[in-house]
Structure formats: C-alpha cells, structure tokens
Amino acid sequence: MASTLLSPMVDYYNDEEELDSVDDDDDRSFRGRDSEEDTEDASETDLAKHDEDDYVEIKEQMYQDKLASLKRQLQQLQEGTLQEYQKRMKKLDQQYKERLRNAGKLSSTEQVERNYIKEKKAAVKEFDDKKVELKENLIPLSTL
C-alpha cells in the first residue's frame, strides 16, 4: 500500500518535472520569440534608418543636380548661348525694330503734317497778298 501511495506521488513529482521542463521549453521559445521580435524591431529600425539615409542621399543628389543645372544655365547666360535668353533677345529685337518703324512712320506723318501746315500758311499768305495787290490795282483804275 505504501508503494501504491508513493507511486502516485512519484508520478506526481515526475509530472511536475515534466511540467518544469515544458515551462523551460516555453521560456526558451518565448525568449526566442522575444529575441526574434527584438531582431525584427532592430531590423525595422535599421531599415528605417537605411530608408532615411537613402532619402537624404537622394535629396542631396537632387540638390546637387539642380545646382549644377543652374550653374550651367548661368554660364550659358553669361556667354549669351542660353536658348531661353536668345529667344527673349530675339523677341525684344523684333519689338525694337517695330517701334523704330512705327516711330519712322510717325515721324514721316508728323513731317508731312508740318509741311502741309507750312504750305497752307504760305498759300493763305500768297492769297492775301494777291488780294491786297488786286485791290490796290483796282483802286488806281477807278481814280482815273
């Protein structure tokens, strides 16, 4: 009987040892999961840092490209070879020539108007002079 009584106790203790070993396995697997999660978190952080570094690097490259482009445009502008500059200069030159033509036309028109006024005044004066001369010639005849 004592052996039957002890036997379940021994089994109980054996079960407890098994449970302890299962707990140890669970702890190891949890620790393994924690370690995996830590590794995942660390790799996510590394990825985030890597992505941020890539972003900064790309942004810096874009800045350098834009700066180089602007410097090239400035150099072309100073040389007078920048296409946009040449287009604008051509347009300004056309406007300048058009204004000169208009000014020439205006000047010609003004000159014609001035000549017309002078000739009209001269014609009026000549008419008045002839009128006076004719009146003077008519009066001596009537006195005769």
C-alpha atoms as a PDB file:
ATOM      1  CA  MET A   1       0.000   0.000   0.000  1.00  0.00           C
ATOM      2  CA  ALA A   2       2.759   2.278   0.790  1.00  0.00           C
ATOM      3  CA  SER A   3       4.109   1.616  -2.593  1.00  0.00           C
ATOM      4  CA  THR A   4       0.789   2.426  -4.181  1.00  0.00           C
ATOM      5  CA  LEU A   5       0.635   5.592  -2.234  1.00  0.00           C
ATOM      6  CA  LEU A   6       4.130   6.520  -3.112  1.00  0.00           C
ATOM      7  CA  SER A   7       3.694   5.586  -6.653  1.00  0.00           C
ATOM      8  CA  PRO A   8       1.143   8.266  -7.450  1.00  0.00           C
ATOM      9  CA  MET A   9       3.275  10.773  -5.605  1.00  0.00           C
ATOM     10  CA  VAL A  10       6.263   9.811  -7.616  1.00  0.00           C
ATOM     11  CA  ASP A  11       4.165  10.131 -10.716  1.00  0.00           C
ATOM     12  CA  TYR A  12       3.026  13.466  -9.482  1.00  0.00           C
ATOM     13  CA  TYR A  13       6.580  14.606  -8.988  1.00  0.00           C
ATOM     14  CA  ASN A  14       7.526  13.193 -12.360  1.00  0.00           C
ATOM     15  CA  ASP A  15       4.652  15.108 -13.903  1.00  0.00           C
ATOM     16  CA  GLU A  16       5.853  18.219 -12.149  1.00  0.00           C
ATOM     17  CA  GLU A  17       9.345  17.739 -13.510  1.00  0.00           C
ATOM     18  CA  GLU A  18       7.864  17.328 -16.943  1.00  0.00           C
ATOM     19  CA  LEU A  19       5.878  20.489 -16.423  1.00  0.00           C
ATOM     20  CA  ASP A  20       9.031  22.282 -15.334  1.00  0.00           C
ATOM     21  CA  SER A  21      10.814  21.090 -18.425  1.00  0.00           C
ATOM     22  CA  VAL A  22       7.824  22.188 -20.533  1.00  0.00           C
ATOM     23  CA  ASP A  23       7.925  25.564 -18.783  1.00  0.00           C
ATOM     24  CA  ASP A  24      11.639  25.770 -19.507  1.00  0.00           C
ATOM     25  CA  ASP A  25      10.928  24.973 -23.156  1.00  0.00           C
ATOM     26  CA  ASP A  26       8.198  27.613 -23.219  1.00  0.00           C
ATOM     27  CA  ASP A  27      10.537  30.135 -21.619  1.00  0.00           C
ATOM     28  CA  ARG A  28      13.134  29.355 -24.228  1.00  0.00           C
ATOM     29  CA  SER A  29      10.598  29.653 -27.019  1.00  0.00           C
ATOM     30  CA  PHE A  30       9.278  32.924 -25.548  1.00  0.00           C
ATOM     31  CA  ARG A  31      12.808  34.155 -25.188  1.00  0.00           C
ATOM     32  CA  GLY A  32      13.372  33.026 -28.745  1.00  0.00           C
ATOM     33  CA  ARG A  33      10.299  34.959 -29.824  1.00  0.00           C
ATOM     34  CA  ASP A  34      11.428  37.954 -27.821  1.00  0.00           C
ATOM     35  CA  SER A  35      14.780  37.658 -29.474  1.00  0.00           C
ATOM     36  CA  GLU A  36      13.118  37.338 -32.883  1.00  0.00           C
ATOM     37  CA  GLU A  37      10.908  40.340 -32.127  1.00  0.00           C
ATOM     38  CA  ASP A  38      13.926  42.289 -30.953  1.00  0.00           C
ATOM     39  CA  THR A  39      15.719  41.293 -34.134  1.00  0.00           C
ATOM     40  CA  GLU A  40      12.687  42.295 -36.206  1.00  0.00           C
ATOM     41  CA  ASP A  41      12.435  45.602 -34.344  1.00  0.00           C
ATOM     42  CA  ALA A  42      16.140  46.163 -34.813  1.00  0.00           C
ATOM     43  CA  SER A  43      15.956  45.310 -38.491  1.00  0.00           C
ATOM     44  CA  GLU A  44      12.898  47.574 -38.879  1.00  0.00           C
ATOM     45  CA  THR A  45      14.873  50.346 -37.190  1.00  0.00           C
ATOM     46  CA  ASP A  46      17.825  49.576 -39.446  1.00  0.00           C
ATOM     47  CA  LEU A  47      15.501  49.628 -42.454  1.00  0.00           C
ATOM     48  CA  ALA A  48      14.008  52.917 -41.312  1.00  0.00           C
ATOM     49  CA  LYS A  49      17.479  54.377 -40.841  1.00  0.00           C
ATOM     50  CA  HIS A  50      18.539  52.946 -44.185  1.00  0.00           C
ATOM     51  CA  ASP A  51      15.428  54.390 -45.866  1.00  0.00           C
ATOM     52  CA  GLU A  52      16.034  57.748 -44.192  1.00  0.00           C
ATOM     53  CA  ASP A  53      19.677  57.664 -45.283  1.00  0.00           C
ATOM     54  CA  ASP A  54      18.574  56.796 -48.825  1.00  0.00           C
ATOM     55  CA  TYR A  55      16.040  59.643 -48.737  1.00  0.00           C
ATOM     56  CA  VAL A  56      18.663  62.110 -47.548  1.00  0.00           C
ATOM     57  CA  GLU A  57      21.115  60.829 -50.148  1.00  0.00           C
ATOM     58  CA  ILE A  58      18.542  61.119 -52.948  1.00  0.00           C
ATOM     59  CA  LYS A  59      17.543  64.586 -51.749  1.00  0.00           C
ATOM     60  CA  GLU A  60      21.204  65.638 -51.665  1.00  0.00           C
ATOM     61  CA  GLN A  61      21.745  64.227 -55.166  1.00  0.00           C
ATOM     62  CA  MET A  62      18.697  66.126 -56.454  1.00  0.00           C
ATOM     63  CA  TYR A  63      20.043  69.310 -54.850  1.00  0.00           C
ATOM     64  CA  GLN A  64      23.468  68.809 -56.432  1.00  0.00           C
ATOM     65  CA  ASP A  65      21.895  68.110 -59.851  1.00  0.00           C
ATOM     66  CA  LYS A  66      19.733  71.241 -59.635  1.00  0.00           C
ATOM     67  CA  LEU A  67      22.709  73.324 -58.507  1.00  0.00           C
ATOM     68  CA  ALA A  68      24.821  72.024 -61.397  1.00  0.00           C
ATOM     69  CA  SER A  69      21.977  72.766 -63.825  1.00  0.00           C
ATOM     70  CA  LEU A  70      21.605  76.328 -62.539  1.00  0.00           C
ATOM     71  CA  LYS A  71      25.360  76.911 -62.736  1.00  0.00           C
ATOM     72  CA  ARG A  72      25.371  75.617 -66.323  1.00  0.00           C
ATOM     73  CA  GLN A  73      22.464  77.934 -67.197  1.00  0.00           C
ATOM     74  CA  LEU A  74      24.252  80.886 -65.589  1.00  0.00           C
ATOM     75  CA  GLN A  75      27.385  80.128 -67.600  1.00  0.00           C
ATOM     76  CA  GLN A  76      25.352  79.895 -70.823  1.00  0.00           C
ATOM     77  CA  LEU A  77      23.572  83.140 -69.956  1.00  0.00           C
ATOM     78  CA  GLN A  78      26.872  84.919 -69.430  1.00  0.00           C
ATOM     79  CA  GLU A  79      28.109  83.553 -72.767  1.00  0.00           C
ATOM     80  CA  GLY A  80      24.851  84.534 -74.452  1.00  0.00           C
ATOM     81  CA  THR A  81      24.185  80.974 -75.618  1.00  0.00           C
ATOM     82  CA  LEU A  82      21.242  80.147 -73.354  1.00  0.00           C
ATOM     83  CA  GLN A  83      18.336  79.248 -75.628  1.00  0.00           C
ATOM     84  CA  GLU A  84      15.688  80.996 -73.494  1.00  0.00           C
ATOM     85  CA  TYR A  85      17.862  84.129 -73.380  1.00  0.00           C
ATOM     86  CA  GLN A  86      18.292  84.065 -77.157  1.00  0.00           C
ATOM     87  CA  LYS A  87      14.532  83.725 -77.680  1.00  0.00           C
ATOM     88  CA  ARG A  88      13.813  86.677 -75.416  1.00  0.00           C
ATOM     89  CA  MET A  89      16.520  88.789 -77.032  1.00  0.00           C
ATOM     90  CA  LYS A  90      15.135  87.991 -80.481  1.00  0.00           C
ATOM     91  CA  LYS A  91      11.646  88.999 -79.324  1.00  0.00           C
ATOM     92  CA  LEU A  92      12.980  92.239 -77.803  1.00  0.00           C
ATOM     93  CA  ASP A  93      14.903  92.977 -81.004  1.00  0.00           C
ATOM     94  CA  GLN A  94      11.739  92.486 -83.068  1.00  0.00           C
ATOM     95  CA  GLN A  95       9.808  94.799 -80.743  1.00  0.00           C
ATOM     96  CA  TYR A  96      12.597  97.376 -81.011  1.00  0.00           C
ATOM     97  CA  LYS A  97      12.567  97.258 -84.815  1.00  0.00           C
ATOM     98  CA  GLU A  98       8.772  97.502 -84.877  1.00  0.00           C
ATOM     99  CA  ARG A  99       8.897 100.561 -82.624  1.00  0.00           C
ATOM    100  CA  LEU A 100      11.530 102.139 -84.859  1.00  0.00           C
ATOM    101  CA  ARG A 101       9.328 101.533 -87.912  1.00  0.00           C
ATOM    102  CA  ASN A 102       6.346 102.997 -86.079  1.00  0.00           C
ATOM    103  CA  ALA A 103       8.451 105.931 -84.931  1.00  0.00           C
ATOM    104  CA  GLY A 104       9.647 106.388 -88.502  1.00  0.00           C
ATOM    105  CA  LYS A 105       6.087 106.300 -89.757  1.00  0.00           C
ATOM    106  CA  LEU A 106       5.035 108.693 -87.034  1.00  0.00           C
ATOM    107  CA  SER A 107       7.947 110.944 -87.825  1.00  0.00           C
ATOM    108  CA  SER A 108       7.112 110.830 -91.524  1.00  0.00           C
ATOM    109  CA  THR A 109       3.468 111.549 -90.783  1.00  0.00           C
ATOM    110  CA  GLU A 110       4.414 114.418 -88.499  1.00  0.00           C
ATOM    111  CA  GLN A 111       6.772 115.773 -91.162  1.00  0.00           C
ATOM    112  CA  VAL A 112       4.036 115.579 -93.795  1.00  0.00           C
ATOM    113  CA  GLU A 113       1.615 117.363 -91.446  1.00  0.00           C
ATOM    114  CA  ARG A 114       4.193 120.095 -90.734  1.00  0.00           C
ATOM    115  CA  ASN A 115       4.834 120.556 -94.460  1.00  0.00           C
ATOM    116  CA  TYR A 116       1.090 120.702 -95.115  1.00  0.00           C
ATOM    117  CA  ILE A 117       0.612 123.389 -92.453  1.00  0.00           C
ATOM    118  CA  LYS A 118       3.541 125.418 -93.854  1.00  0.00           C
ATOM    119  CA  GLU A 119       2.250 125.134 -97.414  1.00  0.00           C
ATOM    120  CA  LYS A 120      -1.273 126.053 -96.296  1.00  0.00           C
ATOM    121  CA  LYS A 121       0.021 129.117 -94.443  1.00  0.00           C
ATOM    122  CA  ALA A 122       2.096 130.061 -97.466  1.00  0.00           C
ATOM    123  CA  ALA A 123      -0.937 129.631 -99.749  1.00  0.00           C
ATOM    124  CA  VAL A 124      -3.122 131.727 -97.430  1.00  0.00           C
ATOM    125  CA  LYS A 125      -0.426 134.418 -97.289  1.00  0.00           C
ATOM    126  CA  GLU A 126       0.005 134.348-101.037  1.00  0.00           C
ATOM    127  CA  PHE A 127      -3.763 134.591-101.459  1.00  0.00           C
ATOM    128  CA  ASP A 128      -3.933 137.552 -99.054  1.00  0.00           C
ATOM    129  CA  ASP A 129      -1.003 139.241-100.810  1.00  0.00           C
ATOM    130  CA  LYS A 130      -2.625 138.784-104.223  1.00  0.00           C
ATOM    131  CA  LYS A 131      -5.912 140.038-102.831  1.00  0.00           C
ATOM    132  CA  VAL A 132      -4.260 143.192-101.472  1.00  0.00           C
ATOM    133  CA  GLU A 133      -2.358 143.667-104.702  1.00  0.00           C
ATOM    134  CA  LEU A 134      -5.515 143.306-106.770  1.00  0.00           C
ATOM    135  CA  LYS A 135      -7.375 145.787-104.552  1.00  0.00           C
ATOM    136  CA  GLU A 136      -4.543 148.253-104.945  1.00  0.00           C
ATOM    137  CA  ASN A 137      -4.578 147.789-108.700  1.00  0.00           C
ATOM    138  CA  LEU A 138      -8.319 148.251-108.841  1.00  0.00           C
ATOM    139  CA  ILE A 139      -8.330 151.458-106.851  1.00  0.00           C
ATOM    140  CA  PRO A 140      -5.918 153.386-109.093  1.00  0.00           C
ATOM    141  CA  LEU A 141      -8.006 152.469-112.100  1.00  0.00           C
ATOM    142  CA  SER A 142     -11.152 153.787-110.568  1.00  0.00           C
ATOM    143  CA  THR A 143      -9.458 157.052-109.673  1.00  0.00           C
ATOM    144  CA  LEU A 144      -8.525 157.666-113.185  1.00  0.00           C
END
